[in-house]
């Protein structure tokens, strides 16, 4: 079952656990049904591809999905991983904010 996710495409995130702990990158694609995300330069895998008219084939390195629980959004103030909360502003907009510093993450 898919949950309401607090990470969105385009967010800058840091890997908190696993083989790529400490690496950071931008979220390229979200997979909300699986609670997973594809992050640029993180969880790299090798795929052996057959040559086609479009590409030459060979061993291609690309990003695999990573579980969202292993990711933390980068705090806009100090570039460290933080948790995310949601609050309503005075003008009625609901925005995401960093619980570490209180800064608004959304633009």
C-alpha atoms as a PDB file:
ATOM      1  CA  UNK A   1       0.000   0.000   0.000  1.00  0.00           C
ATOM      2  CA  UNK A   2       1.370   3.407  -0.983  1.00  0.00           C
ATOM      3  CA  UNK A   3       1.776   6.009   1.722  1.00  0.00           C
ATOM      4  CA  UNK A   4       1.674   9.796   1.421  1.00  0.00           C
ATOM      5  CA  UNK A   5       5.295  10.607   0.636  1.00  0.00           C
ATOM      6  CA  UNK A   6       7.130  13.680   1.892  1.00  0.00           C
ATOM      7  CA  UNK A   7       9.920  13.366  -0.690  1.00  0.00           C
ATOM      8  CA  UNK A   8       9.277  14.686  -4.191  1.00  0.00           C
ATOM      9  CA  UNK A   9      10.995  14.575  -7.559  1.00  0.00           C
ATOM     10  CA  UNK A  10      13.756  17.192  -7.713  1.00  0.00           C
ATOM     11  CA  UNK A  11      14.529  17.163  -3.954  1.00  0.00           C
ATOM     12  CA  UNK A  12      18.161  16.993  -2.855  1.00  0.00           C
ATOM     13  CA  UNK A  13      18.542  13.963  -0.555  1.00  0.00           C
ATOM     14  CA  UNK A  14      21.247  12.146   1.446  1.00  0.00           C
ATOM     15  CA  UNK A  15      21.430   8.367   1.893  1.00  0.00           C
ATOM     16  CA  UNK A  16      21.241   7.559   5.611  1.00  0.00           C
ATOM     17  CA  UNK A  17      21.987   3.801   5.600  1.00  0.00           C
ATOM     18  CA  UNK A  18      23.314   1.075   3.341  1.00  0.00           C
ATOM     19  CA  UNK A  19      26.278   0.720   1.022  1.00  0.00           C
ATOM     20  CA  UNK A  20      25.923   4.294  -0.273  1.00  0.00           C
ATOM     21  CA  UNK A  21      25.633   5.924   3.172  1.00  0.00           C
ATOM     22  CA  UNK A  22      26.599   9.601   3.049  1.00  0.00           C
ATOM     23  CA  UNK A  23      26.152  10.012  -0.705  1.00  0.00           C
ATOM     24  CA  UNK A  24      23.796  12.720  -1.886  1.00  0.00           C
ATOM     25  CA  UNK A  25      21.963  13.413  -5.099  1.00  0.00           C
ATOM     26  CA  UNK A  26      18.769  14.678  -6.675  1.00  0.00           C
ATOM     27  CA  UNK A  27      15.617  12.544  -6.840  1.00  0.00           C
ATOM     28  CA  UNK A  28      15.114  11.690 -10.511  1.00  0.00           C
ATOM     29  CA  UNK A  29      11.995   9.531 -10.266  1.00  0.00           C
ATOM     30  CA  UNK A  30       9.528   8.472  -7.562  1.00  0.00           C
ATOM     31  CA  UNK A  31       7.898   5.038  -7.274  1.00  0.00           C
ATOM     32  CA  UNK A  32       5.144   5.683  -4.701  1.00  0.00           C
ATOM     33  CA  UNK A  33       3.503   2.249  -5.015  1.00  0.00           C
ATOM     34  CA  UNK A  34       6.755   0.606  -3.944  1.00  0.00           C
ATOM     35  CA  UNK A  35       7.886   3.369  -1.506  1.00  0.00           C
ATOM     36  CA  UNK A  36      11.072   3.756  -3.532  1.00  0.00           C
ATOM     37  CA  UNK A  37      12.955   6.524  -5.339  1.00  0.00           C
ATOM     38  CA  UNK A  38      15.673   6.725  -7.974  1.00  0.00           C
ATOM     39  CA  UNK A  39      18.451   9.095  -6.902  1.00  0.00           C
ATOM     40  CA  UNK A  40      21.127  10.470  -9.224  1.00  0.00           C
ATOM     41  CA  UNK A  41      24.485   8.719  -8.724  1.00  0.00           C
ATOM     42  CA  UNK A  42      23.271   6.476  -5.872  1.00  0.00           C
ATOM     43  CA  UNK A  43      22.800   2.665  -5.841  1.00  0.00           C
ATOM     44  CA  UNK A  44      24.526   2.159  -9.192  1.00  0.00           C
ATOM     45  CA  UNK A  45      24.072  -1.213 -10.927  1.00  0.00           C
ATOM     46  CA  UNK A  46      25.484  -2.713 -14.127  1.00  0.00           C
ATOM     47  CA  UNK A  47      23.215  -4.006 -16.881  1.00  0.00           C
ATOM     48  CA  UNK A  48      24.427  -6.037 -19.854  1.00  0.00           C
ATOM     49  CA  UNK A  49      22.532  -4.699 -22.859  1.00  0.00           C
ATOM     50  CA  UNK A  50      22.240  -6.092 -26.355  1.00  0.00           C
ATOM     51  CA  UNK A  51      23.250  -3.820 -29.230  1.00  0.00           C
ATOM     52  CA  UNK A  52      20.353  -2.214 -31.106  1.00  0.00           C
ATOM     53  CA  UNK A  53      20.043   0.416 -33.809  1.00  0.00           C
ATOM     54  CA  UNK A  54      19.736   3.083 -31.103  1.00  0.00           C
ATOM     55  CA  UNK A  55      22.736   2.147 -28.923  1.00  0.00           C
ATOM     56  CA  UNK A  56      25.937   0.140 -29.153  1.00  0.00           C
ATOM     57  CA  UNK A  57      25.193  -2.181 -26.244  1.00  0.00           C
ATOM     58  CA  UNK A  58      27.717  -3.488 -23.725  1.00  0.00           C
ATOM     59  CA  UNK A  59      27.795  -2.962 -19.961  1.00  0.00           C
ATOM     60  CA  UNK A  60      25.704   0.053 -18.947  1.00  0.00           C
ATOM     61  CA  UNK A  61      25.827   1.544 -15.455  1.00  0.00           C
ATOM     62  CA  UNK A  62      22.598   3.083 -14.179  1.00  0.00           C
ATOM     63  CA  UNK A  63      20.790   3.969 -10.965  1.00  0.00           C
ATOM     64  CA  UNK A  64      18.575   1.426  -9.231  1.00  0.00           C
ATOM     65  CA  UNK A  65      15.745   2.357  -6.901  1.00  0.00           C
ATOM     66  CA  UNK A  66      16.354   2.835  -3.174  1.00  0.00           C
ATOM     67  CA  UNK A  67      13.855   2.647  -0.337  1.00  0.00           C
ATOM     68  CA  UNK A  68      12.532   5.993   0.849  1.00  0.00           C
ATOM     69  CA  UNK A  69      13.168   5.111   4.498  1.00  0.00           C
ATOM     70  CA  UNK A  70      16.912   5.204   3.726  1.00  0.00           C
ATOM     71  CA  UNK A  71      16.770   8.793   2.433  1.00  0.00           C
ATOM     72  CA  UNK A  72      16.770  12.140   4.231  1.00  0.00           C
ATOM     73  CA  UNK A  73      16.077  15.496   2.635  1.00  0.00           C
ATOM     74  CA  UNK A  74      18.971  17.963   2.820  1.00  0.00           C
ATOM     75  CA  UNK A  75      18.326  20.843   5.216  1.00  0.00           C
ATOM     76  CA  UNK A  76      18.515  24.145   3.294  1.00  0.00           C
ATOM     77  CA  UNK A  77      20.427  25.794   6.159  1.00  0.00           C
ATOM     78  CA  UNK A  78      23.299  23.402   6.957  1.00  0.00           C
ATOM     79  CA  UNK A  79      23.252  20.685   4.230  1.00  0.00           C
ATOM     80  CA  UNK A  80      22.654  17.830   6.687  1.00  0.00           C
ATOM     81  CA  UNK A  81      19.826  15.263   6.484  1.00  0.00           C
ATOM     82  CA  UNK A  82      16.594  16.200   8.199  1.00  0.00           C
ATOM     83  CA  UNK A  83      13.073  14.962   8.687  1.00  0.00           C
ATOM     84  CA  UNK A  84      10.179  16.768   7.043  1.00  0.00           C
ATOM     85  CA  UNK A  85       7.013  18.187   8.563  1.00  0.00           C
ATOM     86  CA  UNK A  86       4.009  19.883   6.999  1.00  0.00           C
ATOM     87  CA  UNK A  87       2.566  23.151   8.250  1.00  0.00           C
ATOM     88  CA  UNK A  88      -0.015  25.644   7.040  1.00  0.00           C
ATOM     89  CA  UNK A  89       1.088  29.233   6.458  1.00  0.00           C
ATOM     90  CA  UNK A  90      -1.043  32.283   7.251  1.00  0.00           C
ATOM     91  CA  UNK A  91      -2.075  32.617   3.609  1.00  0.00           C
ATOM     92  CA  UNK A  92      -3.508  29.061   3.685  1.00  0.00           C
ATOM     93  CA  UNK A  93      -0.749  27.254   1.764  1.00  0.00           C
ATOM     94  CA  UNK A  94       0.473  23.889   3.074  1.00  0.00           C
ATOM     95  CA  UNK A  95       4.262  23.676   2.845  1.00  0.00           C
ATOM     96  CA  UNK A  96       6.977  21.198   3.800  1.00  0.00           C
ATOM     97  CA  UNK A  97       9.523  22.372   6.361  1.00  0.00           C
ATOM     98  CA  UNK A  98      12.764  20.969   7.759  1.00  0.00           C
ATOM     99  CA  UNK A  99      12.309  19.846  11.361  1.00  0.00           C
ATOM    100  CA  UNK A 100      16.035  20.386  12.016  1.00  0.00           C
ATOM    101  CA  UNK A 101      16.048  24.137  11.330  1.00  0.00           C
ATOM    102  CA  UNK A 102      12.415  25.111  10.744  1.00  0.00           C
ATOM    103  CA  UNK A 103      13.198  26.373   7.217  1.00  0.00           C
ATOM    104  CA  UNK A 104      10.556  25.934   4.516  1.00  0.00           C
ATOM    105  CA  UNK A 105      11.693  23.368   1.919  1.00  0.00           C
ATOM    106  CA  UNK A 106       9.055  24.194  -0.719  1.00  0.00           C
ATOM    107  CA  UNK A 107       9.451  27.251  -2.873  1.00  0.00           C
END
